[in-house]
Amino acid sequence: MVRARAIVSGIVQGVGFRFFASRLAGRYGVTGYVKNLPDGTVEIEAEGEKGAVSGFLDEVKIGPRGGHVSDMRVEWLDPKNYTGFSTY
């Protein structure tokens, strides 16, 4: 189990990005959360098997239709044992 914290920037608010990330999390079986930050970026914490989290993050970089990811900073952390994936 691994946990990644990602800060995603670009056109990522007001374009369904959190819904997009939540659907991807379900597809990859990862837990954690996604939330908008006041500076216009989106924060994601994703936890699960390393391959699942990596695949999830690879697709997050693509972003939803209507959005555009210009940068994604990822930090790998110890797991927190999330039980689901929340949208804030």
Protein backbone atom coordinates (compact mmCIF):
# COMPACT_ATOMS: atom_id res chain seq x y z
CA MET A 1 0.00 0.00 0.00
CA VAL A 2 1.15 3.51 -0.88
CA ARG A 3 -0.34 7.00 -0.63
CA ALA A 4 0.30 9.87 -3.00
CA ARG A 5 -0.56 13.52 -2.43
CA ALA A 6 -0.87 15.47 -5.68
CA ILE A 7 -1.40 19.16 -6.31
CA VAL A 8 -2.87 19.63 -9.77
CA SER A 9 -2.84 22.99 -11.55
CA GLY A 10 -4.21 24.31 -14.80
CA ILE A 11 -7.87 24.54 -15.77
CA VAL A 12 -9.00 22.21 -12.99
CA GLN A 13 -11.84 24.01 -11.22
CA GLY A 14 -15.31 24.47 -12.67
CA VAL A 15 -14.80 21.74 -15.29
CA GLY A 16 -15.93 18.61 -13.39
CA PHE A 17 -12.41 17.71 -12.32
CA ARG A 18 -13.40 16.39 -8.86
CA PHE A 19 -16.14 14.20 -10.36
CA PHE A 20 -13.66 12.98 -12.98
CA ALA A 21 -11.10 12.08 -10.28
CA SER A 22 -13.73 10.36 -8.14
CA ARG A 23 -14.85 8.17 -11.07
CA LEU A 24 -11.22 7.29 -11.84
CA ALA A 25 -10.62 6.37 -8.21
CA GLY A 26 -13.51 3.92 -8.37
CA ARG A 27 -12.17 2.43 -11.59
CA TYR A 28 -8.68 1.97 -10.09
CA GLY A 29 -9.90 0.92 -6.64
CA VAL A 30 -8.00 3.67 -4.82
CA THR A 31 -9.17 5.46 -1.70
CA GLY A 32 -8.56 9.01 -0.46
CA TYR A 33 -10.05 12.35 -1.47
CA VAL A 34 -10.10 15.20 -3.95
CA LYS A 35 -10.78 18.85 -3.13
CA ASN A 36 -10.50 22.31 -4.62
CA LEU A 37 -7.99 24.62 -2.98
CA PRO A 38 -8.46 28.40 -2.64
CA ASP A 39 -5.55 29.14 -5.01
CA GLY A 40 -7.31 27.45 -7.96
CA THR A 41 -5.47 24.13 -7.75
CA VAL A 42 -6.88 20.74 -6.80
CA GLU A 43 -5.47 18.51 -4.06
CA ILE A 44 -5.73 14.74 -4.36
CA GLU A 45 -4.71 12.05 -1.92
CA ALA A 46 -4.84 8.57 -3.42
CA GLU A 47 -4.05 5.37 -1.58
CA GLY A 48 -3.86 1.77 -2.72
CA GLU A 49 -1.56 -0.65 -4.47
CA LYS A 50 1.35 1.18 -6.12
CA GLY A 51 0.34 0.15 -9.65
CA ALA A 52 -3.26 1.29 -9.11
CA VAL A 53 -2.22 4.65 -7.64
CA SER A 54 0.30 5.21 -10.45
CA GLY A 55 -2.28 4.36 -13.13
CA PHE A 56 -4.82 6.65 -11.45
CA LEU A 57 -2.34 9.54 -11.39
CA ASP A 58 -1.37 8.95 -15.04
CA GLU A 59 -5.01 9.40 -16.06
CA VAL A 60 -5.50 12.38 -13.72
CA LYS A 61 -2.75 14.13 -15.72
CA ILE A 62 -4.99 13.94 -18.79
CA GLY A 63 -7.88 15.64 -17.00
CA PRO A 64 -11.55 15.80 -17.95
CA ARG A 65 -12.94 17.12 -21.20
CA GLY A 66 -13.03 20.91 -20.87
CA GLY A 67 -10.14 20.93 -18.42
CA HIS A 68 -6.40 21.12 -18.84
CA VAL A 69 -3.68 19.94 -16.47
CA SER A 70 -0.58 22.11 -16.80
CA ASP A 71 1.31 20.69 -13.81
CA MET A 72 1.00 17.98 -11.19
CA ARG A 73 3.33 17.77 -8.20
CA VAL A 74 3.28 14.37 -6.48
CA GLU A 75 4.59 13.47 -3.04
CA TRP A 76 4.70 9.82 -1.93
CA LEU A 77 3.72 9.24 1.70
CA ASP A 78 2.96 6.47 4.16
CA PRO A 79 -0.61 5.09 3.93
CA LYS A 80 -3.39 6.52 6.12
CA ASN A 81 -5.83 3.63 5.54
CA TYR A 82 -8.67 5.60 3.95
CA THR A 83 -11.89 3.61 3.69
CA GLY A 84 -13.36 5.29 0.61
CA PHE A 85 -12.85 8.14 -1.82
CA SER A 86 -14.37 11.49 -0.83
CA THR A 87 -15.06 14.63 -2.82
CA TYR A 88 -14.83 17.98 -0.98
